[in-house]
Amino acid sequence: MAVNLLALETPDRFEEFCCALLSEEFPRFQSFSAPDLGMDGVDHDSGTIFQAYFPEGAPRRDKIREDLRKAMRQAGACKRFVLLL
């Protein structure tokens, strides 16, 4: 699969790309639509929550921490949280 990484220059395009890759890798991956509460998708087999984050500048640690807190509150069965940058 040829991918033009320069075409991933917006948060929405990056999230779509990440969800497409995760869907191929994890058969039971389910992506969420906005508002996603800090979770762009989940793999039910492993209990892994995925969050795609495409910062316009340096990654904001406060945003990352808050996304992790939201995921932990919303998903009691969460075993892992994976941040895709």
N, C-alpha and C. Protein backbone atom coordinates (compact mmCIF):
# COMPACT_ATOMS: atom_id res chain seq x y z
N MET A 1 0.85 -1.19 0.00
CA MET A 1 0.00 0.00 0.00
C MET A 1 0.89 1.24 0.00
N ALA A 2 0.79 2.04 -1.01
CA ALA A 2 1.55 3.28 -1.08
C ALA A 2 0.78 4.38 -0.35
N VAL A 3 1.47 5.08 0.54
CA VAL A 3 0.84 6.14 1.33
C VAL A 3 1.67 7.40 1.19
N ASN A 4 1.01 8.48 0.84
CA ASN A 4 1.67 9.78 0.78
C ASN A 4 1.54 10.40 2.18
N LEU A 5 2.60 10.32 2.96
CA LEU A 5 2.55 10.82 4.33
C LEU A 5 2.30 12.33 4.40
N LEU A 6 2.63 13.04 3.35
CA LEU A 6 2.37 14.48 3.33
C LEU A 6 0.87 14.77 3.27
N ALA A 7 0.08 13.81 2.81
CA ALA A 7 -1.37 13.99 2.73
C ALA A 7 -2.02 13.84 4.11
N LEU A 8 -1.25 13.47 5.12
CA LEU A 8 -1.78 13.28 6.46
C LEU A 8 -1.58 14.54 7.30
N GLU A 9 -1.66 15.69 6.68
CA GLU A 9 -1.29 16.93 7.36
C GLU A 9 -2.40 17.57 8.18
N THR A 10 -3.53 16.92 8.33
CA THR A 10 -4.59 17.44 9.19
C THR A 10 -4.95 16.38 10.22
N PRO A 11 -5.44 16.79 11.38
CA PRO A 11 -5.83 15.82 12.39
C PRO A 11 -6.86 14.80 11.89
N ASP A 12 -7.83 15.24 11.11
CA ASP A 12 -8.86 14.32 10.61
C ASP A 12 -8.28 13.26 9.67
N ARG A 13 -7.41 13.68 8.77
CA ARG A 13 -6.80 12.73 7.83
C ARG A 13 -5.91 11.73 8.57
N PHE A 14 -5.17 12.23 9.57
CA PHE A 14 -4.31 11.35 10.36
C PHE A 14 -5.15 10.31 11.12
N GLU A 15 -6.25 10.74 11.72
CA GLU A 15 -7.12 9.83 12.44
C GLU A 15 -7.72 8.78 11.51
N GLU A 16 -8.18 9.19 10.33
CA GLU A 16 -8.72 8.24 9.35
C GLU A 16 -7.67 7.19 8.97
N PHE A 17 -6.45 7.63 8.75
CA PHE A 17 -5.36 6.73 8.38
C PHE A 17 -5.08 5.73 9.51
N CYS A 18 -4.99 6.23 10.75
CA CYS A 18 -4.73 5.36 11.90
C CYS A 18 -5.84 4.32 12.06
N CYS A 19 -7.08 4.75 11.93
CA CYS A 19 -8.21 3.82 12.08
C CYS A 19 -8.21 2.77 10.97
N ALA A 20 -7.82 3.16 9.77
CA ALA A 20 -7.74 2.19 8.66
C ALA A 20 -6.66 1.15 8.95
N LEU A 21 -5.51 1.59 9.45
CA LEU A 21 -4.45 0.65 9.78
C LEU A 21 -4.86 -0.28 10.92
N LEU A 22 -5.49 0.28 11.95
CA LEU A 22 -5.91 -0.52 13.10
C LEU A 22 -6.97 -1.54 12.70
N SER A 23 -7.85 -1.16 11.78
CA SER A 23 -8.89 -2.09 11.31
C SER A 23 -8.27 -3.29 10.60
N GLU A 24 -7.17 -3.06 9.92
CA GLU A 24 -6.48 -4.16 9.23
C GLU A 24 -5.75 -5.06 10.21
N GLU A 25 -5.19 -4.48 11.24
CA GLU A 25 -4.38 -5.23 12.20
C GLU A 25 -5.21 -5.99 13.24
N PHE A 26 -6.32 -5.37 13.66
CA PHE A 26 -7.15 -5.94 14.72
C PHE A 26 -8.56 -6.22 14.17
N PRO A 27 -8.91 -7.48 13.97
CA PRO A 27 -10.20 -7.82 13.36
C PRO A 27 -11.41 -7.27 14.13
N ARG A 28 -11.30 -7.10 15.44
CA ARG A 28 -12.44 -6.61 16.22
C ARG A 28 -12.27 -5.14 16.61
N PHE A 29 -11.43 -4.40 15.87
CA PHE A 29 -11.26 -2.96 16.14
C PHE A 29 -12.54 -2.23 15.77
N GLN A 30 -12.97 -1.34 16.66
CA GLN A 30 -14.15 -0.51 16.41
C GLN A 30 -13.75 0.94 16.57
N SER A 31 -13.92 1.74 15.51
CA SER A 31 -13.61 3.16 15.62
C SER A 31 -14.84 3.91 16.11
N PHE A 32 -14.60 5.04 16.76
CA PHE A 32 -15.68 5.87 17.30
C PHE A 32 -15.75 7.17 16.53
N SER A 33 -16.95 7.70 16.38
CA SER A 33 -17.11 9.00 15.74
C SER A 33 -17.15 10.07 16.83
N ALA A 34 -16.95 11.30 16.43
CA ALA A 34 -16.93 12.42 17.37
C ALA A 34 -18.30 12.62 18.01
N PRO A 35 -18.38 13.05 19.25
CA PRO A 35 -17.25 13.20 20.17
C PRO A 35 -16.80 11.84 20.68
N ASP A 36 -15.50 11.62 20.66
CA ASP A 36 -14.99 10.30 20.98
C ASP A 36 -14.50 10.15 22.42
N LEU A 37 -14.57 11.22 23.21
CA LEU A 37 -14.22 11.17 24.63
C LEU A 37 -12.79 10.67 24.87
N GLY A 38 -11.87 11.07 24.02
CA GLY A 38 -10.48 10.66 24.20
C GLY A 38 -10.19 9.26 23.71
N MET A 39 -11.11 8.70 22.94
CA MET A 39 -10.92 7.35 22.42
C MET A 39 -11.32 7.36 20.95
N ASP A 40 -10.38 7.08 20.08
CA ASP A 40 -10.72 7.00 18.66
C ASP A 40 -11.15 5.61 18.26
N GLY A 41 -10.83 4.63 19.09
CA GLY A 41 -11.27 3.28 18.80
C GLY A 41 -10.81 2.32 19.88
N VAL A 42 -11.34 1.11 19.79
CA VAL A 42 -11.00 0.08 20.77
C VAL A 42 -10.87 -1.27 20.08
N ASP A 43 -9.92 -2.06 20.56
CA ASP A 43 -9.81 -3.45 20.14
C ASP A 43 -10.39 -4.28 21.28
N HIS A 44 -11.52 -4.89 21.03
CA HIS A 44 -12.23 -5.62 22.08
C HIS A 44 -11.49 -6.88 22.54
N ASP A 45 -10.72 -7.50 21.65
CA ASP A 45 -10.01 -8.73 22.03
C ASP A 45 -8.94 -8.46 23.09
N SER A 46 -8.20 -7.37 22.93
CA SER A 46 -7.11 -7.08 23.86
C SER A 46 -7.49 -6.06 24.93
N GLY A 47 -8.65 -5.41 24.79
CA GLY A 47 -9.05 -4.38 25.75
C GLY A 47 -8.21 -3.12 25.60
N THR A 48 -7.73 -2.86 24.39
CA THR A 48 -6.86 -1.72 24.13
C THR A 48 -7.66 -0.56 23.53
N ILE A 49 -7.49 0.62 24.13
CA ILE A 49 -8.09 1.84 23.60
C ILE A 49 -7.01 2.59 22.84
N PHE A 50 -7.38 3.09 21.66
CA PHE A 50 -6.44 3.83 20.82
C PHE A 50 -6.91 5.27 20.68
N GLN A 51 -5.96 6.19 20.77
CA GLN A 51 -6.24 7.61 20.57
C GLN A 51 -5.22 8.15 19.58
N ALA A 52 -5.69 8.69 18.46
CA ALA A 52 -4.82 9.32 17.47
C ALA A 52 -4.73 10.81 17.80
N TYR A 53 -3.52 11.32 17.83
CA TYR A 53 -3.31 12.73 18.18
C TYR A 53 -2.29 13.31 17.21
N PHE A 54 -2.74 14.29 16.44
CA PHE A 54 -1.89 14.95 15.45
C PHE A 54 -1.71 16.40 15.91
N PRO A 55 -0.70 16.66 16.74
CA PRO A 55 -0.52 18.02 17.25
C PRO A 55 -0.04 18.96 16.15
N GLU A 56 -0.53 20.17 16.19
CA GLU A 56 -0.12 21.18 15.21
C GLU A 56 1.26 21.74 15.55
N GLY A 57 1.67 21.57 16.79
CA GLY A 57 3.00 21.97 17.25
C GLY A 57 3.54 20.86 18.13
N ALA A 58 4.20 21.24 19.21
CA ALA A 58 4.67 20.24 20.16
C ALA A 58 3.47 19.58 20.84
N PRO A 59 3.53 18.27 21.08
CA PRO A 59 2.41 17.60 21.76
C PRO A 59 2.16 18.22 23.13
N ARG A 60 0.90 18.44 23.44
CA ARG A 60 0.52 19.02 24.73
C ARG A 60 0.31 17.90 25.75
N ARG A 61 1.13 17.89 26.76
CA ARG A 61 1.02 16.84 27.78
C ARG A 61 -0.30 16.91 28.53
N ASP A 62 -0.82 18.11 28.74
CA ASP A 62 -2.09 18.23 29.46
C ASP A 62 -3.22 17.57 28.66
N LYS A 63 -3.21 17.72 27.34
CA LYS A 63 -4.23 17.08 26.51
C LYS A 63 -4.10 15.56 26.56
N ILE A 64 -2.88 15.07 26.50
CA ILE A 64 -2.64 13.63 26.56
C ILE A 64 -3.12 13.07 27.89
N ARG A 65 -2.79 13.74 28.98
CA ARG A 65 -3.23 13.27 30.30
C ARG A 65 -4.75 13.27 30.41
N GLU A 66 -5.39 14.31 29.90
CA GLU A 66 -6.85 14.40 29.97
C GLU A 66 -7.51 13.32 29.11
N ASP A 67 -6.96 13.04 27.92
CA ASP A 67 -7.50 11.96 27.09
C ASP A 67 -7.38 10.62 27.81
N LEU A 68 -6.27 10.40 28.48
CA LEU A 68 -6.09 9.15 29.22
C LEU A 68 -7.11 9.06 30.37
N ARG A 69 -7.31 10.15 31.08
CA ARG A 69 -8.31 10.15 32.17
C ARG A 69 -9.71 9.86 31.63
N LYS A 70 -10.07 10.49 30.51
CA LYS A 70 -11.40 10.26 29.92
C LYS A 70 -11.57 8.80 29.52
N ALA A 71 -10.54 8.24 28.91
CA ALA A 71 -10.62 6.84 28.49
C ALA A 71 -10.79 5.92 29.70
N MET A 72 -10.08 6.21 30.77
CA MET A 72 -10.18 5.38 31.97
C MET A 72 -11.57 5.48 32.60
N ARG A 73 -12.17 6.66 32.57
CA ARG A 73 -13.51 6.83 33.13
C ARG A 73 -14.57 6.15 32.29
N GLN A 74 -14.43 6.19 30.97
CA GLN A 74 -15.46 5.68 30.07
C GLN A 74 -15.36 4.19 29.80
N ALA A 75 -14.21 3.63 29.99
CA ALA A 75 -14.01 2.23 29.60
C ALA A 75 -13.44 1.44 30.76
N GLY A 76 -14.31 0.90 31.58
CA GLY A 76 -13.88 0.13 32.73
C GLY A 76 -13.06 -1.10 32.37
N ALA A 77 -13.24 -1.62 31.17
CA ALA A 77 -12.52 -2.82 30.76
C ALA A 77 -11.21 -2.50 30.05
N CYS A 78 -10.77 -1.26 30.12
CA CYS A 78 -9.54 -0.84 29.44
C CYS A 78 -8.33 -1.47 30.12
N LYS A 79 -7.56 -2.20 29.34
CA LYS A 79 -6.34 -2.81 29.86
C LYS A 79 -5.10 -2.04 29.40
N ARG A 80 -5.22 -1.41 28.22
CA ARG A 80 -4.10 -0.63 27.67
C ARG A 80 -4.65 0.59 26.96
N PHE A 81 -3.84 1.65 26.96
CA PHE A 81 -4.17 2.87 26.23
C PHE A 81 -2.98 3.15 25.32
N VAL A 82 -3.22 3.22 24.02
CA VAL A 82 -2.16 3.47 23.05
C VAL A 82 -2.41 4.81 22.38
N LEU A 83 -1.42 5.69 22.50
CA LEU A 83 -1.49 7.01 21.87
C LEU A 83 -0.70 6.97 20.58
N LEU A 84 -1.36 7.29 19.49
CA LEU A 84 -0.73 7.32 18.17
C LEU A 84 -0.42 8.77 17.82
N LEU A 85 0.84 9.09 17.67
CA LEU A 85 1.26 10.46 17.33
C LEU A 85 1.72 10.53 15.89
